[in-house]
């Protein structure tokens, strides 16, 4: 079946890239960067030297096991696409080279600033 997405095409103008259904990843749009921040509201930003702005991502863009983790500082690969307001967004986030050494899954408190005086 079609599921909840409605009719094919969805009535968007041709070339409107924001609402493309998640399909096969386009290798041309896959970049790597470092997660700058990720907060309890379920979104964050990636620093990528090929993109002028911080790249926004939402919890839905991260693979399942990382959604409740503090992934700030993790190097990730991601697929770049243009969001609804023309801003760059990331999807299909995957850690590069596996999980960071300090990885832990935290139910609460992820995304908090690190204590001072390290």
N, C-alpha and C. Protein backbone atom coordinates (compact mmCIF):
# COMPACT_ATOMS: atom_id res chain seq x y z
N UNK A 1 0.82 -1.20 0.00
CA UNK A 1 0.00 0.00 0.00
C UNK A 1 0.85 1.24 0.00
N UNK A 2 0.21 2.38 -0.11
CA UNK A 2 0.92 3.64 -0.15
C UNK A 2 1.24 4.17 1.23
N UNK A 3 0.54 3.73 2.26
CA UNK A 3 0.78 4.27 3.59
C UNK A 3 0.20 5.67 3.70
N UNK A 4 0.66 6.41 4.71
CA UNK A 4 0.03 7.71 5.00
C UNK A 4 0.54 8.86 4.14
N UNK A 5 1.29 8.59 3.09
CA UNK A 5 1.90 9.68 2.33
C UNK A 5 0.96 10.32 1.33
N UNK A 6 -0.20 9.71 1.10
CA UNK A 6 -1.14 10.32 0.17
C UNK A 6 -0.81 9.93 -1.26
N UNK A 7 -1.36 10.68 -2.21
CA UNK A 7 -1.19 10.31 -3.62
C UNK A 7 0.25 10.47 -4.06
N UNK A 8 0.66 9.73 -5.08
CA UNK A 8 2.03 9.88 -5.55
C UNK A 8 2.26 11.29 -6.05
N UNK A 9 3.44 11.82 -5.80
CA UNK A 9 3.71 13.18 -6.22
C UNK A 9 3.36 14.20 -5.14
N UNK A 10 2.29 13.97 -4.41
CA UNK A 10 1.92 14.82 -3.30
C UNK A 10 1.52 16.23 -3.69
N UNK A 11 1.42 16.55 -4.98
CA UNK A 11 0.97 17.86 -5.38
C UNK A 11 2.02 18.95 -5.25
N UNK A 12 3.28 18.61 -5.02
CA UNK A 12 4.32 19.63 -4.95
C UNK A 12 4.79 19.97 -6.36
N UNK A 13 5.27 21.19 -6.56
CA UNK A 13 5.78 21.54 -7.89
C UNK A 13 6.98 20.69 -8.25
N UNK A 14 7.23 20.45 -9.53
CA UNK A 14 8.39 19.64 -9.92
C UNK A 14 9.66 20.29 -9.41
N UNK A 15 10.59 19.47 -8.97
CA UNK A 15 11.86 20.00 -8.49
C UNK A 15 11.82 20.44 -7.04
N UNK A 16 10.69 20.30 -6.38
CA UNK A 16 10.61 20.66 -4.97
C UNK A 16 11.22 19.51 -4.18
N UNK A 17 12.45 19.70 -3.70
CA UNK A 17 13.21 18.57 -3.18
C UNK A 17 12.98 18.26 -1.73
N UNK A 18 12.29 19.12 -0.99
CA UNK A 18 12.24 18.95 0.46
C UNK A 18 11.45 17.72 0.87
N UNK A 19 10.41 17.38 0.09
CA UNK A 19 9.52 16.33 0.54
C UNK A 19 9.73 15.03 -0.23
N UNK A 20 10.92 14.86 -0.78
CA UNK A 20 11.17 13.60 -1.47
C UNK A 20 11.08 12.46 -0.47
N UNK A 21 10.42 11.38 -0.84
CA UNK A 21 10.37 10.24 0.09
C UNK A 21 11.77 9.70 0.29
N UNK A 22 12.05 9.17 1.49
CA UNK A 22 13.39 8.64 1.70
C UNK A 22 13.62 7.46 0.77
N UNK A 23 14.50 7.64 -0.15
CA UNK A 23 14.78 6.58 -1.10
C UNK A 23 16.23 6.20 -0.97
N UNK A 24 16.79 5.61 -2.01
CA UNK A 24 18.20 5.26 -1.96
C UNK A 24 19.04 6.52 -1.81
N UNK A 25 20.09 6.44 -1.06
CA UNK A 25 20.95 7.59 -0.84
C UNK A 25 21.65 7.97 -2.13
N UNK A 26 21.72 9.24 -2.40
CA UNK A 26 22.44 9.72 -3.57
C UNK A 26 23.88 9.99 -3.15
N UNK A 27 24.85 9.19 -3.63
CA UNK A 27 26.23 9.33 -3.16
C UNK A 27 26.79 10.72 -3.40
N UNK A 28 26.28 11.43 -4.40
CA UNK A 28 26.79 12.77 -4.68
C UNK A 28 26.50 13.73 -3.55
N UNK A 29 25.46 13.46 -2.77
CA UNK A 29 25.07 14.38 -1.70
C UNK A 29 25.57 13.94 -0.33
N UNK A 30 26.35 12.87 -0.27
CA UNK A 30 26.81 12.39 1.04
C UNK A 30 28.08 13.12 1.43
N UNK A 31 28.05 13.75 2.60
CA UNK A 31 29.17 14.51 3.13
C UNK A 31 29.53 13.97 4.51
N UNK A 32 30.65 14.41 5.03
CA UNK A 32 30.96 14.08 6.41
C UNK A 32 31.15 15.37 7.18
N UNK A 33 30.88 15.30 8.46
CA UNK A 33 31.03 16.46 9.32
C UNK A 33 31.05 16.00 10.77
N UNK A 34 31.06 16.98 11.67
CA UNK A 34 31.09 16.68 13.10
C UNK A 34 29.83 17.25 13.74
N UNK A 35 29.18 16.44 14.58
CA UNK A 35 27.99 16.92 15.27
C UNK A 35 28.41 18.02 16.23
N UNK A 36 27.90 19.22 16.01
CA UNK A 36 28.23 20.37 16.86
C UNK A 36 27.40 20.33 18.14
N UNK A 37 26.12 20.01 17.99
CA UNK A 37 25.25 19.97 19.15
C UNK A 37 24.05 19.08 18.84
N UNK A 38 23.48 18.54 19.90
CA UNK A 38 22.25 17.74 19.78
C UNK A 38 21.55 17.88 21.10
N UNK A 39 20.29 18.26 21.10
CA UNK A 39 19.66 18.55 22.37
C UNK A 39 18.42 17.71 22.63
N UNK A 40 17.91 17.86 23.82
CA UNK A 40 16.80 17.03 24.29
C UNK A 40 15.52 17.27 23.52
N UNK A 41 15.43 18.38 22.79
CA UNK A 41 14.23 18.62 21.99
C UNK A 41 14.22 17.76 20.73
N UNK A 42 15.36 17.11 20.43
CA UNK A 42 15.37 16.17 19.32
C UNK A 42 15.90 16.73 18.02
N UNK A 43 16.76 17.74 18.09
CA UNK A 43 17.40 18.22 16.87
C UNK A 43 18.79 18.72 17.20
N UNK A 44 19.58 18.92 16.16
CA UNK A 44 20.94 19.38 16.38
C UNK A 44 21.52 19.94 15.10
N UNK A 45 22.83 20.19 15.15
CA UNK A 45 23.52 20.80 14.02
C UNK A 45 24.85 20.10 13.77
N UNK A 46 25.25 20.06 12.51
CA UNK A 46 26.51 19.45 12.09
C UNK A 46 27.39 20.54 11.50
N UNK A 47 28.67 20.52 11.86
CA UNK A 47 29.66 21.38 11.23
C UNK A 47 30.25 20.63 10.05
N UNK A 48 30.24 21.24 8.88
CA UNK A 48 30.79 20.60 7.69
C UNK A 48 31.53 21.66 6.90
N UNK A 49 32.81 21.38 6.58
CA UNK A 49 33.60 22.42 5.91
C UNK A 49 33.16 22.66 4.46
N UNK A 50 32.28 21.82 3.91
CA UNK A 50 31.82 22.03 2.54
C UNK A 50 30.52 22.85 2.49
N UNK A 51 29.96 23.15 3.66
CA UNK A 51 28.68 23.86 3.72
C UNK A 51 28.89 25.13 4.54
N UNK A 52 28.35 26.25 4.05
CA UNK A 52 28.58 27.54 4.71
C UNK A 52 27.94 27.63 6.09
N UNK A 53 26.80 27.01 6.26
CA UNK A 53 26.05 27.13 7.52
C UNK A 53 26.15 25.83 8.29
N UNK A 54 25.83 25.89 9.58
CA UNK A 54 25.64 24.66 10.33
C UNK A 54 24.46 23.92 9.69
N UNK A 55 24.57 22.61 9.60
CA UNK A 55 23.54 21.82 8.92
C UNK A 55 22.60 21.25 9.97
N UNK A 56 21.33 21.58 9.86
CA UNK A 56 20.30 21.13 10.80
C UNK A 56 19.98 19.65 10.58
N UNK A 57 19.73 18.94 11.66
CA UNK A 57 19.18 17.58 11.53
C UNK A 57 18.18 17.34 12.65
N UNK A 58 17.26 16.43 12.42
CA UNK A 58 16.27 16.08 13.45
C UNK A 58 16.52 14.65 13.91
N UNK A 59 15.90 14.33 15.03
CA UNK A 59 16.06 12.99 15.63
C UNK A 59 15.75 11.89 14.62
N UNK A 60 14.77 12.14 13.74
CA UNK A 60 14.37 11.11 12.77
C UNK A 60 15.49 10.80 11.77
N UNK A 61 16.47 11.71 11.65
CA UNK A 61 17.56 11.51 10.68
C UNK A 61 18.67 10.62 11.20
N UNK A 62 18.61 10.29 12.50
CA UNK A 62 19.71 9.55 13.13
C UNK A 62 19.32 8.08 13.21
N UNK A 63 20.30 7.20 13.09
CA UNK A 63 19.95 5.79 13.22
C UNK A 63 19.46 5.53 14.64
N UNK A 64 18.54 4.57 14.74
CA UNK A 64 17.75 4.32 15.94
C UNK A 64 18.55 4.33 17.25
N UNK A 65 19.66 3.62 17.30
CA UNK A 65 20.38 3.46 18.56
C UNK A 65 21.02 4.73 19.09
N UNK A 66 21.11 5.77 18.26
CA UNK A 66 21.80 6.99 18.68
C UNK A 66 20.84 8.10 19.10
N UNK A 67 19.54 7.86 18.98
CA UNK A 67 18.59 8.96 19.17
C UNK A 67 18.57 9.49 20.59
N UNK A 68 18.93 8.66 21.57
CA UNK A 68 18.90 9.14 22.94
C UNK A 68 20.30 9.31 23.50
N UNK A 69 21.30 9.32 22.64
CA UNK A 69 22.69 9.44 23.08
C UNK A 69 23.19 10.87 22.93
N UNK A 70 24.24 11.17 23.67
CA UNK A 70 24.91 12.45 23.46
C UNK A 70 25.91 12.25 22.34
N UNK A 71 25.55 12.68 21.14
CA UNK A 71 26.41 12.42 19.99
C UNK A 71 27.21 13.65 19.59
N UNK A 72 27.19 14.70 20.41
CA UNK A 72 27.98 15.89 20.09
C UNK A 72 29.45 15.49 20.00
N UNK A 73 30.14 15.99 18.98
CA UNK A 73 31.54 15.66 18.78
C UNK A 73 31.78 14.42 17.94
N UNK A 74 30.70 13.70 17.59
CA UNK A 74 30.83 12.50 16.77
C UNK A 74 31.00 12.88 15.31
N UNK A 75 31.95 12.25 14.64
CA UNK A 75 32.07 12.46 13.19
C UNK A 75 31.03 11.58 12.50
N UNK A 76 30.28 12.17 11.60
CA UNK A 76 29.19 11.45 10.94
C UNK A 76 29.24 11.66 9.44
N UNK A 77 28.70 10.68 8.72
CA UNK A 77 28.40 10.92 7.31
C UNK A 77 26.90 11.20 7.24
N UNK A 78 26.50 12.01 6.29
CA UNK A 78 25.09 12.37 6.18
C UNK A 78 24.78 12.74 4.74
N UNK A 79 23.50 12.68 4.42
CA UNK A 79 23.05 13.08 3.10
C UNK A 79 22.48 14.48 3.20
N UNK A 80 22.98 15.38 2.37
CA UNK A 80 22.54 16.77 2.40
C UNK A 80 21.34 16.95 1.49
N UNK A 81 20.33 17.66 1.97
CA UNK A 81 19.20 18.00 1.12
C UNK A 81 18.68 19.36 1.54
N UNK A 82 17.85 19.95 0.69
CA UNK A 82 17.34 21.28 0.97
C UNK A 82 16.03 21.16 1.73
N UNK A 83 15.98 21.79 2.88
CA UNK A 83 14.78 21.72 3.71
C UNK A 83 13.67 22.64 3.21
N UNK A 84 12.55 22.64 3.92
CA UNK A 84 11.37 23.37 3.46
C UNK A 84 11.60 24.86 3.24
N UNK A 85 12.53 25.49 3.98
CA UNK A 85 12.77 26.92 3.81
C UNK A 85 14.06 27.17 3.05
N UNK A 86 14.54 26.16 2.32
CA UNK A 86 15.73 26.34 1.53
C UNK A 86 17.02 26.19 2.32
N UNK A 87 16.91 25.88 3.61
CA UNK A 87 18.10 25.72 4.43
C UNK A 87 18.65 24.30 4.25
N UNK A 88 19.98 24.14 4.32
CA UNK A 88 20.53 22.79 4.21
C UNK A 88 20.14 21.94 5.42
N UNK A 89 19.78 20.71 5.17
CA UNK A 89 19.45 19.78 6.25
C UNK A 89 20.16 18.46 5.98
N UNK A 90 20.33 17.69 7.06
CA UNK A 90 21.00 16.40 6.95
C UNK A 90 20.01 15.29 7.26
N UNK A 91 20.21 14.16 6.58
CA UNK A 91 19.43 12.96 6.91
C UNK A 91 20.35 11.76 6.74
N UNK A 92 19.89 10.60 7.20
CA UNK A 92 20.68 9.37 7.12
C UNK A 92 22.03 9.54 7.82
N UNK A 93 22.02 10.12 9.03
CA UNK A 93 23.26 10.28 9.77
C UNK A 93 23.79 8.92 10.19
N UNK A 94 25.10 8.72 10.00
CA UNK A 94 25.76 7.48 10.44
C UNK A 94 27.12 7.85 10.99
N UNK A 95 27.48 7.28 12.14
CA UNK A 95 28.81 7.58 12.67
C UNK A 95 29.89 7.07 11.72
N UNK A 96 30.93 7.85 11.53
CA UNK A 96 32.06 7.44 10.69
C UNK A 96 32.98 6.61 11.57
N UNK A 97 33.32 5.40 11.13
CA UNK A 97 34.24 4.57 11.89
C UNK A 97 33.67 4.09 13.21
N UNK A 98 32.36 3.90 13.27
CA UNK A 98 31.79 3.34 14.50
C UNK A 98 31.50 4.42 15.53
N UNK A 99 31.15 3.98 16.73
CA UNK A 99 30.74 4.90 17.77
C UNK A 99 31.95 5.52 18.46
N UNK A 100 31.78 6.73 19.00
CA UNK A 100 32.89 7.36 19.70
C UNK A 100 33.24 6.59 20.97
N UNK A 101 34.49 6.71 21.45
CA UNK A 101 34.92 5.94 22.62
C UNK A 101 34.11 6.28 23.87
N UNK A 102 33.63 7.52 23.98
CA UNK A 102 32.87 7.90 25.17
C UNK A 102 31.38 7.69 24.98
N UNK A 103 31.00 6.89 23.97
CA UNK A 103 29.58 6.69 23.69
C UNK A 103 28.87 6.02 24.86
N UNK A 104 27.74 6.57 25.22
CA UNK A 104 26.86 5.90 26.16
C UNK A 104 25.45 6.33 25.84
N UNK A 105 24.52 5.45 26.06
CA UNK A 105 23.13 5.78 25.80
C UNK A 105 22.56 6.35 27.09
N UNK A 106 22.02 7.55 27.00
CA UNK A 106 21.50 8.20 28.20
C UNK A 106 20.02 8.49 28.00
N UNK A 107 19.22 8.10 28.96
CA UNK A 107 17.79 8.35 28.84
C UNK A 107 17.47 9.82 29.00
N UNK A 108 18.19 10.51 29.90
CA UNK A 108 17.95 11.93 30.14
C UNK A 108 19.29 12.65 30.23
N UNK A 109 19.25 13.94 30.01
CA UNK A 109 20.43 14.76 30.26
C UNK A 109 21.42 14.80 29.10
N UNK A 110 21.09 14.20 27.96
CA UNK A 110 22.03 14.31 26.85
C UNK A 110 21.97 15.70 26.27
N UNK A 111 23.06 16.11 25.67
CA UNK A 111 23.10 17.45 25.09
C UNK A 111 23.41 18.54 26.10
N UNK A 112 23.67 18.18 27.36
CA UNK A 112 24.01 19.19 28.35
C UNK A 112 25.45 19.63 28.13
N UNK A 113 25.77 20.87 28.50
CA UNK A 113 27.16 21.31 28.36
C UNK A 113 28.08 20.50 29.26
N UNK A 114 29.31 20.31 28.80
CA UNK A 114 30.27 19.57 29.62
C UNK A 114 30.67 20.43 30.81
N UNK A 115 31.01 19.80 31.94
CA UNK A 115 31.44 20.59 33.11
C UNK A 115 32.72 21.36 32.78
N UNK A 116 32.87 22.51 33.40
CA UNK A 116 34.04 23.34 33.17
C UNK A 116 35.24 22.77 33.90
N UNK A 117 36.43 23.21 33.48
CA UNK A 117 37.66 22.85 34.21
C UNK A 117 38.10 21.42 33.98
N UNK A 118 38.18 21.00 32.69
CA UNK A 118 38.56 19.63 32.43
C UNK A 118 40.06 19.47 32.46
